[in-house]
C-alpha atoms as a PDB file:
ATOM      1  CA  MET A   1     -26.365  15.543  -3.528  1.00  0.00           C
ATOM      2  CA  ALA A   2     -26.293  15.687  -7.359  1.00  0.00           C
ATOM      3  CA  ALA A   3     -23.357  18.096  -7.258  1.00  0.00           C
ATOM      4  CA  ASP A   4     -21.495  15.816  -4.849  1.00  0.00           C
ATOM      5  CA  SER A   5     -22.097  12.788  -7.071  1.00  0.00           C
ATOM      6  CA  SER A   6     -20.894  14.700 -10.123  1.00  0.00           C
ATOM      7  CA  THR A   7     -17.728  15.775  -8.294  1.00  0.00           C
ATOM      8  CA  ILE A   8     -17.007  12.197  -7.240  1.00  0.00           C
ATOM      9  CA  ARG A   9     -17.493  10.950 -10.809  1.00  0.00           C
ATOM     10  CA  VAL A  10     -15.126  13.584 -12.194  1.00  0.00           C
ATOM     11  CA  LYS A  11     -12.540  12.784  -9.513  1.00  0.00           C
ATOM     12  CA  ASN A  12     -12.717   9.048 -10.196  1.00  0.00           C
ATOM     13  CA  ARG A  13     -12.604   9.563 -13.964  1.00  0.00           C
ATOM     14  CA  THR A  14      -9.529  11.788 -13.625  1.00  0.00           C
ATOM     15  CA  ALA A  15      -7.871   9.264 -11.326  1.00  0.00           C
ATOM     16  CA  ARG A  16      -8.524   6.415 -13.771  1.00  0.00           C
ATOM     17  CA  TRP A  17      -7.129   8.492 -16.649  1.00  0.00           C
ATOM     18  CA  LEU A  18      -3.933   9.288 -14.724  1.00  0.00           C
ATOM     19  CA  THR A  19      -3.548   5.656 -13.680  1.00  0.00           C
ATOM     20  CA  GLU A  20      -3.885   4.350 -17.231  1.00  0.00           C
ATOM     21  CA  VAL A  21      -1.826   6.998 -19.032  1.00  0.00           C
ATOM     22  CA  PHE A  22       1.033   6.849 -16.518  1.00  0.00           C
ATOM     23  CA  GLN A  23       1.037   3.129 -15.825  1.00  0.00           C
ATOM     24  CA  PRO A  24       4.549   1.614 -15.426  1.00  0.00           C
ATOM     25  CA  PRO A  25       4.889  -0.009 -18.891  1.00  0.00           C
ATOM     26  CA  VAL A  26       4.098   3.303 -20.604  1.00  0.00           C
ATOM     27  CA  VAL A  27       6.286   5.428 -18.329  1.00  0.00           C
ATOM     28  CA  VAL A  28       9.266   3.072 -18.451  1.00  0.00           C
ATOM     29  CA  THR A  29       8.991   2.751 -22.237  1.00  0.00           C
ATOM     30  CA  VAL A  30       9.398   6.521 -22.592  1.00  0.00           C
ATOM     31  CA  GLN A  31      12.255   6.398 -20.077  1.00  0.00           C
ATOM     32  CA  LEU A  32      14.078   3.756 -22.108  1.00  0.00           C
ATOM     33  CA  LEU A  33      13.499   5.511 -25.424  1.00  0.00           C
ATOM     34  CA  LEU A  34      15.153   8.618 -23.971  1.00  0.00           C
ATOM     35  CA  SER A  35      18.019   6.711 -22.316  1.00  0.00           C
ATOM     36  CA  PRO A  36      20.416   7.063 -25.299  1.00  0.00           C
ATOM     37  CA  LEU A  37      20.291  10.845 -24.815  1.00  0.00           C
ATOM     38  CA  ALA A  38      23.032  10.454 -22.218  1.00  0.00           C
ATOM     39  CA  GLN A  39      25.544   9.503 -24.935  1.00  0.00           C
ATOM     40  CA  GLU A  40      26.601  10.753 -28.336  1.00  0.00           C
ATOM     41  CA  GLY A  41      24.750   9.332 -31.310  1.00  0.00           C
ATOM     42  CA  PHE A  42      21.161  10.237 -30.405  1.00  0.00           C
ATOM     43  CA  PRO A  43      18.654  10.123 -32.127  1.00  0.00           C
ATOM     44  CA  GLU A  44      20.108   7.309 -34.262  1.00  0.00           C
ATOM     45  CA  THR A  45      20.694   5.250 -31.122  1.00  0.00           C
ATOM     46  CA  VAL A  46      17.022   5.439 -30.114  1.00  0.00           C
ATOM     47  CA  VAL A  47      16.629   2.049 -31.796  1.00  0.00           C
ATOM     48  CA  TYR A  48      18.543   0.544 -28.850  1.00  0.00           C
ATOM     49  CA  GLY A  49      16.154   2.206 -26.431  1.00  0.00           C
ATOM     50  CA  ALA A  50      13.263   0.736 -28.408  1.00  0.00           C
ATOM     51  CA  LEU A  51      14.864  -2.716 -28.271  1.00  0.00           C
ATOM     52  CA  ALA A  52      15.245  -2.393 -24.494  1.00  0.00           C
ATOM     53  CA  ALA A  53      11.608  -1.289 -24.192  1.00  0.00           C
ATOM     54  CA  LEU A  54      10.536  -4.386 -26.130  1.00  0.00           C
ATOM     55  CA  PHE A  55      12.009  -6.727 -23.509  1.00  0.00           C
ATOM     56  CA  VAL A  56      11.446  -4.553 -20.432  1.00  0.00           C
ATOM     57  CA  CYS A  57       7.900  -3.348 -21.130  1.00  0.00           C
ATOM     58  CA  VAL A  58       6.187  -4.681 -24.242  1.00  0.00           C
ATOM     59  CA  LEU A  59       6.787  -8.435 -23.902  1.00  0.00           C
ATOM     60  CA  PRO A  60       6.027  -8.530 -20.131  1.00  0.00           C
ATOM     61  CA  LEU A  61       2.828  -6.533 -20.763  1.00  0.00           C
ATOM     62  CA  VAL A  62       1.744  -8.900 -23.542  1.00  0.00           C
ATOM     63  CA  MET A  63       2.369 -11.888 -21.277  1.00  0.00           C
ATOM     64  CA  LEU A  64       0.489 -10.188 -18.437  1.00  0.00           C
ATOM     65  CA  LEU A  65      -2.532  -9.456 -20.638  1.00  0.00           C
ATOM     66  CA  PHE A  66      -2.505 -13.091 -21.746  1.00  0.00           C
ATOM     67  CA  LEU A  67      -2.565 -14.198 -18.092  1.00  0.00           C
ATOM     68  CA  VAL A  68      -5.425 -11.795 -17.396  1.00  0.00           C
ATOM     69  CA  ARG A  69      -7.342 -13.245 -20.335  1.00  0.00           C
ATOM     70  CA  LEU A  70      -6.780 -16.763 -18.952  1.00  0.00           C
ATOM     71  CA  GLY A  71      -8.058 -15.632 -15.555  1.00  0.00           C
ATOM     72  CA  LYS A  72      -4.722 -16.294 -13.846  1.00  0.00           C
ATOM     73  CA  VAL A  73      -4.273 -12.627 -12.896  1.00  0.00           C
ATOM     74  CA  THR A  74      -7.039 -10.268 -11.762  1.00  0.00           C
ATOM     75  CA  ASP A  75      -6.229  -7.279 -14.001  1.00  0.00           C
ATOM     76  CA  HIS A  76      -3.382  -5.589 -15.869  1.00  0.00           C
ATOM     77  CA  HIS A  77      -2.501  -3.518 -12.776  1.00  0.00           C
ATOM     78  CA  VAL A  78      -2.108  -6.790 -10.782  1.00  0.00           C
ATOM     79  CA  SER A  79      -4.304  -5.489  -7.965  1.00  0.00           C
ATOM     80  CA  ASP A  80      -4.018  -8.734  -5.984  1.00  0.00           C
ATOM     81  CA  ARG A  81      -0.819  -8.410  -3.925  1.00  0.00           C
ATOM     82  CA  LYS A  82      -0.257 -12.179  -3.904  1.00  0.00           C
ATOM     83  CA  GLN A  83      -0.029 -12.248  -7.689  1.00  0.00           C
ATOM     84  CA  ARG A  84       2.579  -9.506  -7.929  1.00  0.00           C
ATOM     85  CA  ALA A  85       5.772 -11.445  -7.150  1.00  0.00           C
ATOM     86  CA  PRO A  86       5.231 -14.124  -9.858  1.00  0.00           C
ATOM     87  CA  VAL A  87       4.313 -11.462 -12.431  1.00  0.00           C
ATOM     88  CA  LEU A  88       7.359  -9.367 -11.539  1.00  0.00           C
ATOM     89  CA  LEU A  89       9.629 -12.412 -11.730  1.00  0.00           C
ATOM     90  CA  MET A  90       8.206 -13.170 -15.172  1.00  0.00           C
ATOM     91  CA  ALA A  91       9.034  -9.605 -16.176  1.00  0.00           C
ATOM     92  CA  LEU A  92      12.530  -9.991 -14.712  1.00  0.00           C
ATOM     93  CA  GLY A  93      13.136 -13.021 -16.920  1.00  0.00           C
ATOM     94  CA  SER A  94      12.222 -11.010 -20.003  1.00  0.00           C
ATOM     95  CA  ILE A  95      14.442  -8.114 -18.883  1.00  0.00           C
ATOM     96  CA  LEU A  96      17.431 -10.392 -18.332  1.00  0.00           C
ATOM     97  CA  ALA A  97      16.927 -11.850 -21.811  1.00  0.00           C
ATOM     98  CA  GLY A  98      16.844  -8.296 -23.094  1.00  0.00           C
ATOM     99  CA  LEU A  99      20.156  -7.522 -21.411  1.00  0.00           C
ATOM    100  CA  LEU A 100      21.740 -10.448 -23.243  1.00  0.00           C
ATOM    101  CA  VAL A 101      20.380  -9.164 -26.545  1.00  0.00           C
ATOM    102  CA  LEU A 102      21.573  -5.610 -25.808  1.00  0.00           C
ATOM    103  CA  HIS A 103      25.031  -6.977 -25.022  1.00  0.00           C
ATOM    104  CA  ALA A 104      25.048  -8.976 -28.266  1.00  0.00           C
ATOM    105  CA  VAL A 105      24.215  -5.915 -30.383  1.00  0.00           C
ATOM    106  CA  VAL A 106      26.664  -3.698 -28.447  1.00  0.00           C
ATOM    107  CA  ALA A 107      24.008  -1.278 -27.225  1.00  0.00           C
ATOM    108  CA  PRO A 108      25.093   2.078 -25.750  1.00  0.00           C
ATOM    109  CA  ALA A 109      26.106   1.904 -22.097  1.00  0.00           C
ATOM    110  CA  SER A 110      23.476   4.523 -21.253  1.00  0.00           C
ATOM    111  CA  VAL A 111      20.712   2.143 -22.338  1.00  0.00           C
ATOM    112  CA  VAL A 112      22.177  -0.775 -20.385  1.00  0.00           C
ATOM    113  CA  ALA A 113      22.530   1.416 -17.284  1.00  0.00           C
ATOM    114  CA  MET A 114      18.857   2.365 -17.504  1.00  0.00           C
ATOM    115  CA  VAL A 115      17.785  -1.260 -17.853  1.00  0.00           C
ATOM    116  CA  LEU A 116      19.897  -2.244 -14.838  1.00  0.00           C
ATOM    117  CA  ALA A 117      18.234   0.488 -12.785  1.00  0.00           C
ATOM    118  CA  VAL A 118      14.873  -1.001 -13.746  1.00  0.00           C
ATOM    119  CA  VAL A 119      16.145  -4.463 -12.773  1.00  0.00           C
ATOM    120  CA  GLY A 120      16.977  -3.145  -9.309  1.00  0.00           C
ATOM    121  CA  GLY A 121      13.448  -1.805  -8.983  1.00  0.00           C
ATOM    122  CA  VAL A 122      11.775  -5.002 -10.164  1.00  0.00           C
ATOM    123  CA  VAL A 123      13.822  -7.165  -7.779  1.00  0.00           C
ATOM    124  CA  VAL A 124      12.927  -5.031  -4.762  1.00  0.00           C
ATOM    125  CA  LEU A 125       9.248  -4.785  -5.697  1.00  0.00           C
ATOM    126  CA  ALA A 126       9.097  -8.559  -6.198  1.00  0.00           C
ATOM    127  CA  GLY A 127      10.667  -9.089  -2.773  1.00  0.00           C
ATOM    128  CA  VAL A 128       8.340  -6.662  -1.019  1.00  0.00           C
ATOM    129  CA  SER A 129       5.103  -7.640  -2.788  1.00  0.00           C
ATOM    130  CA  PRO A 130       4.308 -10.795  -0.764  1.00  0.00           C
ATOM    131  CA  PHE A 131       4.266  -8.678   2.397  1.00  0.00           C
ATOM    132  CA  TRP A 132       3.275  -5.159   1.341  1.00  0.00           C
ATOM    133  CA  LYS A 133       1.749  -3.588  -1.773  1.00  0.00           C
ATOM    134  CA  MET A 134       4.182  -0.747  -2.493  1.00  0.00           C
ATOM    135  CA  SER A 135       2.976   1.325  -5.439  1.00  0.00           C
ATOM    136  CA  GLY A 136       4.625   0.387  -8.715  1.00  0.00           C
ATOM    137  CA  HIS A 137       2.914   3.336 -10.410  1.00  0.00           C
ATOM    138  CA  ALA A 138       4.491   5.747  -7.929  1.00  0.00           C
ATOM    139  CA  ALA A 139       7.911   4.105  -8.208  1.00  0.00           C
ATOM    140  CA  ALA A 140       7.883   4.195 -12.017  1.00  0.00           C
ATOM    141  CA  ILE A 141       6.770   7.801 -12.424  1.00  0.00           C
ATOM    142  CA  SER A 142       9.081   9.157  -9.731  1.00  0.00           C
ATOM    143  CA  CYS A 143      12.074   7.285 -11.130  1.00  0.00           C
ATOM    144  CA  SER A 144      11.326   8.449 -14.664  1.00  0.00           C
ATOM    145  CA  VAL A 145      10.773  12.130 -13.924  1.00  0.00           C
ATOM    146  CA  VAL A 146      13.781  12.403 -11.596  1.00  0.00           C
ATOM    147  CA  ILE A 147      16.004  10.833 -14.252  1.00  0.00           C
ATOM    148  CA  ALA A 148      14.465  13.076 -16.921  1.00  0.00           C
ATOM    149  CA  VAL A 149      15.292  16.183 -14.882  1.00  0.00           C
ATOM    150  CA  LEU A 150      18.837  14.928 -14.257  1.00  0.00           C
ATOM    151  CA  MET A 151      19.326  14.237 -17.964  1.00  0.00           C
ATOM    152  CA  LEU A 152      17.556  17.236 -19.468  1.00  0.00           C
ATOM    153  CA  GLY A 153      18.124  19.946 -16.863  1.00  0.00           C
ATOM    154  CA  ALA A 154      16.207  22.022 -14.336  1.00  0.00           C
ATOM    155  CA  ALA A 155      13.858  23.407 -17.001  1.00  0.00           C
ATOM    156  CA  TRP A 156      12.101  20.039 -16.903  1.00  0.00           C
ATOM    157  CA  ALA A 157      11.509  20.163 -13.138  1.00  0.00           C
ATOM    158  CA  PRO A 158       7.723  20.741 -13.592  1.00  0.00           C
ATOM    159  CA  LEU A 159       7.563  17.067 -14.581  1.00  0.00           C
ATOM    160  CA  LEU A 160       7.987  16.317 -10.867  1.00  0.00           C
ATOM    161  CA  LEU A 161       4.351  17.405 -10.395  1.00  0.00           C
ATOM    162  CA  LEU A 162       3.366  14.131 -12.056  1.00  0.00           C
ATOM    163  CA  VAL A 163       4.550  12.238  -8.971  1.00  0.00           C
ATOM    164  CA  PRO A 164       1.880  13.542  -6.543  1.00  0.00           C
ATOM    165  CA  ALA A 165      -0.719  13.488  -9.341  1.00  0.00           C
ATOM    166  CA  VAL A 166      -0.206   9.794 -10.099  1.00  0.00           C
ATOM    167  CA  GLY A 167       0.070   8.980  -6.384  1.00  0.00           C
ATOM    168  CA  TRP A 168      -3.225  10.782  -5.771  1.00  0.00           C
ATOM    169  CA  SER A 169      -4.893   8.710  -8.489  1.00  0.00           C
ATOM    170  CA  ARG A 170      -3.822   5.435  -6.876  1.00  0.00           C
ATOM    171  CA  VAL A 171      -5.168   6.516  -3.478  1.00  0.00           C
ATOM    172  CA  VAL A 172      -8.465   7.796  -4.940  1.00  0.00           C
ATOM    173  CA  LEU A 173      -8.977   4.478  -6.718  1.00  0.00           C
ATOM    174  CA  ARG A 174      -8.201   2.690  -3.436  1.00  0.00           C
ATOM    175  CA  ALA A 175      -5.439   0.719  -5.114  1.00  0.00           C
ATOM    176  CA  HIS A 176      -2.916   1.827  -2.472  1.00  0.00           C
ATOM    177  CA  SER A 177      -2.703   3.578   0.864  1.00  0.00           C
ATOM    178  CA  VAL A 178      -0.950   6.921   1.206  1.00  0.00           C
ATOM    179  CA  ALA A 179       1.999   5.155   2.873  1.00  0.00           C
ATOM    180  CA  GLN A 180       2.347   2.721  -0.036  1.00  0.00           C
ATOM    181  CA  VAL A 181       2.328   5.580  -2.536  1.00  0.00           C
ATOM    182  CA  VAL A 182       4.864   7.619  -0.557  1.00  0.00           C
ATOM    183  CA  ALA A 183       7.129   4.568  -0.199  1.00  0.00           C
ATOM    184  CA  GLY A 184       6.909   3.863  -3.926  1.00  0.00           C
ATOM    185  CA  SER A 185       7.679   7.479  -4.784  1.00  0.00           C
ATOM    186  CA  LEU A 186      10.723   7.582  -2.522  1.00  0.00           C
ATOM    187  CA  PHE A 187      11.946   4.216  -3.752  1.00  0.00           C
ATOM    188  CA  GLY A 188      11.665   5.200  -7.413  1.00  0.00           C
ATOM    189  CA  GLY A 189      12.912   8.764  -7.097  1.00  0.00           C
ATOM    190  CA  VAL A 190      15.757   8.102  -4.676  1.00  0.00           C
ATOM    191  CA  VAL A 191      16.812   4.442  -4.927  1.00  0.00           C
ATOM    192  CA  MET A 192      16.098   3.563  -8.574  1.00  0.00           C
ATOM    193  CA  ALA A 193      17.150   6.956  -9.906  1.00  0.00           C
ATOM    194  CA  GLY A 194      20.199   6.740  -7.617  1.00  0.00           C
ATOM    195  CA  ILE A 195      21.155   3.361  -9.059  1.00  0.00           C
ATOM    196  CA  TRP A 196      20.903   4.867 -12.537  1.00  0.00           C
ATOM    197  CA  TRP A 197      23.030   7.859 -11.501  1.00  0.00           C
ATOM    198  CA  VAL A 198      25.803   5.625 -10.126  1.00  0.00           C
ATOM    199  CA  LEU A 199      25.757   3.246 -13.076  1.00  0.00           C
ATOM    200  CA  GLN A 200      25.712   6.135 -15.500  1.00  0.00           C
ATOM    201  CA  GLY A 201      28.848   7.539 -13.898  1.00  0.00           C
ATOM    202  CA  LEU A 202      30.597   4.189 -13.980  1.00  0.00           C
ATOM    203  CA  MET A 203      29.532   2.919 -17.403  1.00  0.00           C
ATOM    204  CA  VAL A 204      29.111   5.910 -19.692  1.00  0.00           C
ATOM    205  CA  PRO A 205      32.373   7.435 -21.001  1.00  0.00           C
END
């Protein structure tokens, strides 16, 4: 019994670590910081990726933590499905403001394309959330690692192992069902990364 309890504790601790380290704001921030790689000028242009991350990840996270502190939202992972759509729409407002700022400072097209791919993901997740709790963690990590492999080459393919690892953590913590994790992974890795791929081809010279 003691051995079983110890195994369960280790499993839950590992799952919590994966969930926190690879939560969407962190994963998408890295994704945006790397987005200028697709065009000439990197690493000087990383400042534009940082500016995008400010509006796409940092400001929405700050606002979310403020709502959690006020008791308006259950936790920073927005575990209550009913609270997800309003939070995502709040994030969308910040992202759209960020797009205006990026346009004003003439940011690289690669950064704008990445932000638009994120917009597509946020809109769909906001639309689905009132009815079904598709995993945002799974969508974010799958989108990010697929795009990373497309940008950096096949040598980075081992990053794809993060997708099942993060999905496993969400199921272990009972935050999502297996179906919700699989749907999120497919949505992020196929749809969101696909949007980025198309926009990249159209927008980046």
